[in-house]
Amino acid sequence: MTAVSPPSRRASAFFFRKPKLRLGILLSAPLLWLGLAYLGALAALFITAFWSTDVFTGKVVTDWSFDNFVTLFTDSVYRTITLRTVGIALLVTVIDAVIAFPMAFAMAKLASPKAQRILVIAVMTPLWASYLVKAYAWRTLLSGNGAISWLLSPFGLSGPGYGVAATVITLSYLWLPYMILPIYAGLERLPDSLVDASGDLGARSFRTFRSVILPLAFPAIVAGSIFTFSLSLGDYIAVKIVGGTSQMLGNVVYDNIGAANNLPFAATVAIVPVVIMLVYLAVVRRTGALNNL
């Protein structure tokens, strides 16, 4: 008599023959959670943006209108804050890319394997520290009587104090590891033979960098820029700590949720970074950089 396989073994054999079905079942739970928690929250945010708040009772009025969008796009204050937020996010991304590239190149191509592991841990170590601790540390450094002003005082200079410059410095420090690690991973995959071949063909160092290294590392730079740009775009805590009187879009959202008690307008402002990131990702995708990640 032929032995009958137990149901568990038959099910295992069935799923082994159907790898796509197996993958779909494994991903069903996280995809369902993503759809409900993230996409559902975005849908609720978009819907709330068309509502309003009763100025007398403070309750949300579910009458549909474009008043919040009209206020956002016609008020010069909010236009200025939007431009400032985008400008800070772009500047932080550029600064981090300029600082991160030589560091990542040294880690990937100049350091020994043992030193690479140590340097990767060193880059990741700041990520284990509290965000607030690092932000308040920069507040102390950037203050009028802080360490930076003390170092610059012999030259007749002073520190930047609190404001946009302090915000850029703080955010650049906070998000720098998110730029270093993708670039390091991209440069580590870069074959040394290509660099050697460029030198053998007579290319100087700058030509090798411009024609060989930079194009191949560009997707990794784009990957890092997505992190630094998006994180800077939505930040509001660092601006509260070192920004002085400066505001970003995140601060407008926070203030309208709390003190102003105007949730619909906060939702309207919160849509702006989402749209900006969608446009940014669309532009990046057109460059083809994401296809090589």
Protein backbone atom coordinates (compact mmCIF):
# COMPACT_ATOMS: atom_id res chain seq x y z
CA MET A 1 0.00 0.00 0.00
CA THR A 2 1.17 3.51 -0.83
CA ALA A 3 1.66 5.63 2.24
CA VAL A 4 -0.46 8.78 2.32
CA SER A 5 1.50 11.96 2.97
CA PRO A 6 0.28 14.05 5.91
CA PRO A 7 -1.56 17.30 5.06
CA SER A 8 1.35 19.45 6.23
CA ARG A 9 3.75 17.72 3.85
CA ARG A 10 1.31 18.00 0.93
CA ALA A 11 0.82 21.69 1.68
CA SER A 12 4.59 22.18 1.88
CA ALA A 13 5.07 20.45 -1.46
CA PHE A 14 2.29 22.51 -3.03
CA PHE A 15 3.78 25.82 -1.93
CA PHE A 16 7.24 24.65 -2.98
CA ARG A 17 5.92 24.23 -6.53
CA LYS A 18 4.24 27.68 -6.37
CA PRO A 19 6.97 30.16 -5.36
CA LYS A 20 4.94 33.21 -6.46
CA LEU A 21 1.97 32.13 -4.40
CA ARG A 22 4.25 31.51 -1.42
CA LEU A 23 5.77 34.97 -1.78
CA GLY A 24 2.31 36.54 -2.08
CA ILE A 25 1.11 34.90 1.13
CA LEU A 26 4.27 35.97 2.99
CA LEU A 27 3.85 39.59 1.85
CA SER A 28 0.08 39.76 2.33
CA ALA A 29 0.21 40.72 6.02
CA PRO A 30 2.78 43.56 5.72
CA LEU A 31 1.10 44.85 2.54
CA LEU A 32 -2.26 44.85 4.31
CA TRP A 33 -0.74 46.74 7.21
CA LEU A 34 0.85 49.22 4.79
CA GLY A 35 -2.45 49.75 3.03
CA LEU A 36 -4.41 50.31 6.22
CA ALA A 37 -1.91 52.22 8.34
CA TYR A 38 0.04 54.27 5.82
CA LEU A 39 -2.08 54.65 2.71
CA GLY A 40 -5.23 54.89 4.84
CA ALA A 41 -3.65 57.67 6.90
CA LEU A 42 -2.65 59.54 3.73
CA ALA A 43 -6.19 59.22 2.39
CA ALA A 44 -7.62 60.56 5.67
CA LEU A 45 -5.10 63.40 5.56
CA PHE A 46 -6.11 64.33 2.03
CA ILE A 47 -9.81 64.27 2.88
CA THR A 48 -9.37 66.33 6.06
CA ALA A 49 -7.57 69.04 4.08
CA PHE A 50 -10.88 69.93 2.39
CA TRP A 51 -12.70 70.48 5.69
CA SER A 52 -12.58 73.50 7.99
CA THR A 53 -12.68 74.43 11.67
CA ASP A 54 -15.44 76.42 13.35
CA VAL A 55 -13.77 79.52 14.76
CA PHE A 56 -16.17 79.68 17.73
CA THR A 57 -16.42 76.04 18.85
CA GLY A 58 -13.11 74.75 17.48
CA LYS A 59 -14.86 71.70 16.06
CA VAL A 60 -14.07 70.30 12.62
CA VAL A 61 -16.74 71.13 10.04
CA THR A 62 -16.99 68.43 7.37
CA ASP A 63 -18.19 70.80 4.64
CA TRP A 64 -16.03 70.47 1.54
CA SER A 65 -14.19 73.57 0.34
CA PHE A 66 -10.85 74.77 -1.06
CA ASP A 67 -10.46 77.56 1.53
CA ASN A 68 -7.43 75.97 3.18
CA PHE A 69 -5.63 75.62 -0.15
CA VAL A 70 -6.49 79.20 -1.11
CA THR A 71 -5.04 80.43 2.18
CA LEU A 72 -1.93 78.30 1.76
CA PHE A 73 -1.15 79.45 -1.78
CA THR A 74 -2.16 83.10 -1.49
CA ASP A 75 -0.61 83.98 1.86
CA SER A 76 2.95 85.20 1.33
CA VAL A 77 4.00 83.90 4.76
CA TYR A 78 3.26 80.29 3.84
CA ARG A 79 4.91 80.67 0.43
CA THR A 80 8.03 81.94 2.16
CA ILE A 81 8.00 79.05 4.64
CA THR A 82 7.56 76.55 1.80
CA LEU A 83 10.47 77.98 -0.17
CA ARG A 84 12.60 78.10 2.97
CA THR A 85 11.81 74.46 3.75
CA VAL A 86 12.67 73.26 0.24
CA GLY A 87 15.81 75.40 0.19
CA ILE A 88 17.02 74.02 3.53
CA ALA A 89 16.29 70.44 2.44
CA LEU A 90 18.22 70.91 -0.81
CA LEU A 91 21.13 72.64 0.92
CA VAL A 92 21.37 69.91 3.56
CA THR A 93 21.35 67.27 0.80
CA VAL A 94 24.14 68.99 -1.14
CA ILE A 95 26.28 69.53 1.97
CA ASP A 96 25.88 65.93 3.07
CA ALA A 97 26.72 64.65 -0.42
CA VAL A 98 29.90 66.76 -0.57
CA ILE A 99 31.02 65.61 2.88
CA ALA A 100 29.89 62.00 2.52
CA PHE A 101 31.47 61.17 -0.83
CA PRO A 102 35.16 61.44 0.12
CA MET A 103 34.44 59.72 3.44
CA ALA A 104 32.62 56.86 1.72
CA PHE A 105 35.32 56.59 -0.95
CA ALA A 106 38.04 56.33 1.70
CA MET A 107 36.02 53.67 3.52
CA ALA A 108 35.32 51.63 0.39
CA LYS A 109 38.59 51.92 -1.55
CA LEU A 110 41.39 53.01 0.77
CA ALA A 111 40.68 51.35 4.11
CA SER A 112 41.53 47.73 4.88
CA PRO A 113 38.67 45.24 5.41
CA LYS A 114 39.11 45.43 9.18
CA ALA A 115 39.20 49.23 9.11
CA GLN A 116 36.08 49.26 6.93
CA ARG A 117 34.09 47.43 9.59
CA ILE A 118 35.34 49.83 12.27
CA LEU A 119 34.50 52.88 10.15
CA VAL A 120 31.01 51.59 9.32
CA ILE A 121 30.34 51.14 13.03
CA ALA A 122 31.72 54.62 13.69
CA VAL A 123 29.38 56.12 11.09
CA MET A 124 26.39 54.26 12.53
CA THR A 125 27.19 55.10 16.16
CA PRO A 126 25.56 58.59 16.06
CA LEU A 127 22.32 56.93 14.93
CA TRP A 128 22.16 55.09 18.25
CA ALA A 129 22.17 58.36 20.21
CA SER A 130 19.00 60.28 20.95
CA TYR A 131 17.87 62.80 18.34
CA LEU A 132 17.15 65.37 21.08
CA VAL A 133 20.55 64.90 22.71
CA LYS A 134 22.33 65.61 19.42
CA ALA A 135 20.09 68.60 18.61
CA TYR A 136 20.56 70.18 22.04
CA ALA A 137 24.29 69.54 21.82
CA TRP A 138 24.35 71.65 18.67
CA ARG A 139 22.24 74.29 20.42
CA THR A 140 24.97 74.54 23.05
CA LEU A 141 27.73 74.69 20.43
CA LEU A 142 25.96 77.33 18.34
CA SER A 143 24.94 79.62 21.20
CA GLY A 144 26.46 83.06 21.59
CA ASN A 145 28.88 81.88 24.27
CA GLY A 146 29.28 78.37 22.89
CA ALA A 147 32.36 76.52 21.72
CA ILE A 148 32.12 77.70 18.11
CA SER A 149 32.02 81.38 19.09
CA TRP A 150 34.89 80.76 21.51
CA LEU A 151 37.02 79.24 18.74
CA LEU A 152 36.22 82.06 16.31
CA SER A 153 36.61 84.94 18.77
CA PRO A 154 40.43 85.26 18.32
CA PHE A 155 39.78 85.99 14.62
CA GLY A 156 37.15 88.63 15.37
CA LEU A 157 34.33 86.33 14.29
CA SER A 158 31.35 84.83 16.06
CA GLY A 159 29.22 81.74 15.68
CA PRO A 160 26.10 81.63 13.51
CA GLY A 161 23.77 81.76 16.51
CA TYR A 162 20.23 80.48 16.06
CA GLY A 163 18.44 80.68 12.72
CA VAL A 164 18.47 79.16 9.24
CA ALA A 165 22.25 78.61 9.23
CA ALA A 166 22.08 76.77 12.55
CA THR A 167 19.21 74.65 11.25
CA VAL A 168 21.20 73.68 8.13
CA ILE A 169 24.27 72.79 10.21
CA THR A 170 22.26 70.70 12.67
CA LEU A 171 20.25 68.84 10.03
CA SER A 172 23.39 68.20 7.96
CA TYR A 173 24.98 66.55 10.98
CA LEU A 174 21.87 64.57 11.91
CA TRP A 175 21.30 63.06 8.45
CA LEU A 176 24.93 62.64 7.33
CA PRO A 177 25.06 58.87 8.08
CA TYR A 178 22.05 58.35 5.81
CA MET A 179 24.15 59.74 2.94
CA ILE A 180 27.44 58.04 3.81
CA LEU A 181 26.12 54.47 4.03
CA PRO A 182 24.38 54.31 0.59
CA ILE A 183 27.37 55.90 -1.13
CA TYR A 184 29.72 53.53 0.66
CA ALA A 185 27.62 50.56 -0.47
CA GLY A 186 27.64 51.84 -4.06
CA LEU A 187 31.37 52.49 -4.13
CA GLU A 188 32.12 49.12 -2.58
CA ARG A 189 30.46 47.46 -5.59
CA LEU A 190 32.57 49.54 -7.97
CA PRO A 191 35.23 47.25 -9.54
CA ASP A 192 38.77 48.44 -8.92
CA SER A 193 39.66 47.25 -12.41
CA LEU A 194 37.65 50.11 -13.95
CA VAL A 195 39.62 52.71 -12.02
CA ASP A 196 42.90 50.96 -12.90
CA ALA A 197 41.90 50.78 -16.57
CA SER A 198 41.11 54.49 -16.61
CA GLY A 199 44.57 55.24 -15.22
CA ASP A 200 46.23 52.89 -17.70
CA LEU A 201 44.51 54.73 -20.56
CA GLY A 202 46.09 57.99 -19.39
CA ALA A 203 43.17 59.58 -17.57
CA ARG A 204 44.08 61.88 -14.73
CA SER A 205 42.49 61.59 -11.31
CA PHE A 206 39.80 64.20 -11.95
CA ARG A 207 38.91 62.68 -15.33
CA THR A 208 38.64 59.23 -13.74
CA PHE A 209 36.40 60.65 -11.05
CA ARG A 210 34.19 62.53 -13.53
CA SER A 211 33.94 59.83 -16.20
CA VAL A 212 34.12 56.57 -14.24
CA ILE A 213 33.52 56.89 -10.51
CA LEU A 214 30.81 59.58 -10.37
CA PRO A 215 28.47 58.08 -13.03
CA LEU A 216 28.63 54.65 -11.41
CA ALA A 217 28.16 56.08 -7.90
CA PHE A 218 25.35 58.44 -8.95
CA PRO A 219 22.52 55.98 -8.10
CA ALA A 220 23.94 55.61 -4.59
CA ILE A 221 24.09 59.40 -4.21
CA VAL A 222 20.47 59.60 -5.33
CA ALA A 223 19.51 56.95 -2.76
CA GLY A 224 21.17 58.96 -0.02
CA SER A 225 19.56 62.18 -1.22
CA ILE A 226 16.10 60.64 -0.87
CA PHE A 227 16.78 60.11 2.82
CA THR A 228 18.38 63.47 3.56
CA PHE A 229 15.91 65.48 1.47
CA SER A 230 12.77 63.82 2.85
CA LEU A 231 13.96 63.85 6.47
CA SER A 232 14.90 67.54 6.26
CA LEU A 233 11.64 68.37 4.50
CA GLY A 234 9.52 66.99 7.33
CA ASP A 235 11.66 68.01 10.30
CA TYR A 236 10.32 70.45 12.86
CA ILE A 237 12.11 69.57 16.11
CA ALA A 238 15.57 70.82 15.11
CA VAL A 239 14.04 74.10 13.94
CA LYS A 240 12.36 74.50 17.32
CA ILE A 241 15.68 73.92 19.08
CA VAL A 242 18.20 75.87 16.95
CA GLY A 243 16.06 77.71 14.38
CA GLY A 244 15.29 80.76 16.47
CA THR A 245 12.33 82.53 14.90
CA SER A 246 12.64 80.56 11.65
CA GLN A 247 9.88 78.16 10.69
CA MET A 248 9.54 75.21 8.34
CA LEU A 249 6.47 73.39 7.08
CA GLY A 250 6.67 70.88 9.92
CA ASN A 251 6.39 73.71 12.45
CA VAL A 252 3.27 75.04 10.75
CA VAL A 253 1.70 71.58 10.92
CA TYR A 254 2.67 71.17 14.58
CA ASP A 255 1.37 74.61 15.59
CA ASN A 256 -1.96 74.12 13.83
CA ILE A 257 -2.48 70.73 15.47
CA GLY A 258 -1.64 72.08 18.92
CA ALA A 259 -1.98 75.76 19.75
CA ALA A 260 -4.18 76.81 16.81
CA ASN A 261 -6.37 73.68 16.99
CA ASN A 262 -6.91 73.78 13.22
CA LEU A 263 -6.51 70.17 12.11
CA PRO A 264 -7.85 70.68 8.54
CA PHE A 265 -5.34 73.42 7.78
CA ALA A 266 -2.56 71.31 9.35
CA ALA A 267 -3.57 68.50 6.98
CA THR A 268 -3.45 70.92 4.05
CA VAL A 269 0.09 72.02 4.94
CA ALA A 270 1.16 68.41 5.52
CA ILE A 271 0.17 67.54 1.95
CA VAL A 272 2.81 69.94 0.59
CA PRO A 273 5.87 67.85 1.64
CA VAL A 274 4.15 64.72 0.35
CA VAL A 275 3.59 66.32 -3.06
CA ILE A 276 7.13 67.70 -3.13
CA MET A 277 8.56 64.23 -2.40
CA LEU A 278 6.39 62.66 -5.11
CA VAL A 279 7.68 65.23 -7.60
CA TYR A 280 11.24 64.65 -6.41
CA LEU A 281 10.93 60.89 -6.81
CA ALA A 282 9.39 61.35 -10.26
CA VAL A 283 12.31 63.54 -11.35
CA VAL A 284 14.82 61.07 -9.91
CA ARG A 285 13.09 58.19 -11.65
CA ARG A 286 13.30 59.97 -15.01
CA THR A 287 17.07 60.13 -14.60
CA GLY A 288 17.15 56.34 -14.43
CA ALA A 289 19.13 56.37 -11.20
CA LEU A 290 16.58 54.29 -9.29
CA ASN A 291 16.79 51.52 -11.87
CA ASN A 292 20.41 50.87 -10.93
CA LEU A 293 19.96 50.72 -7.16
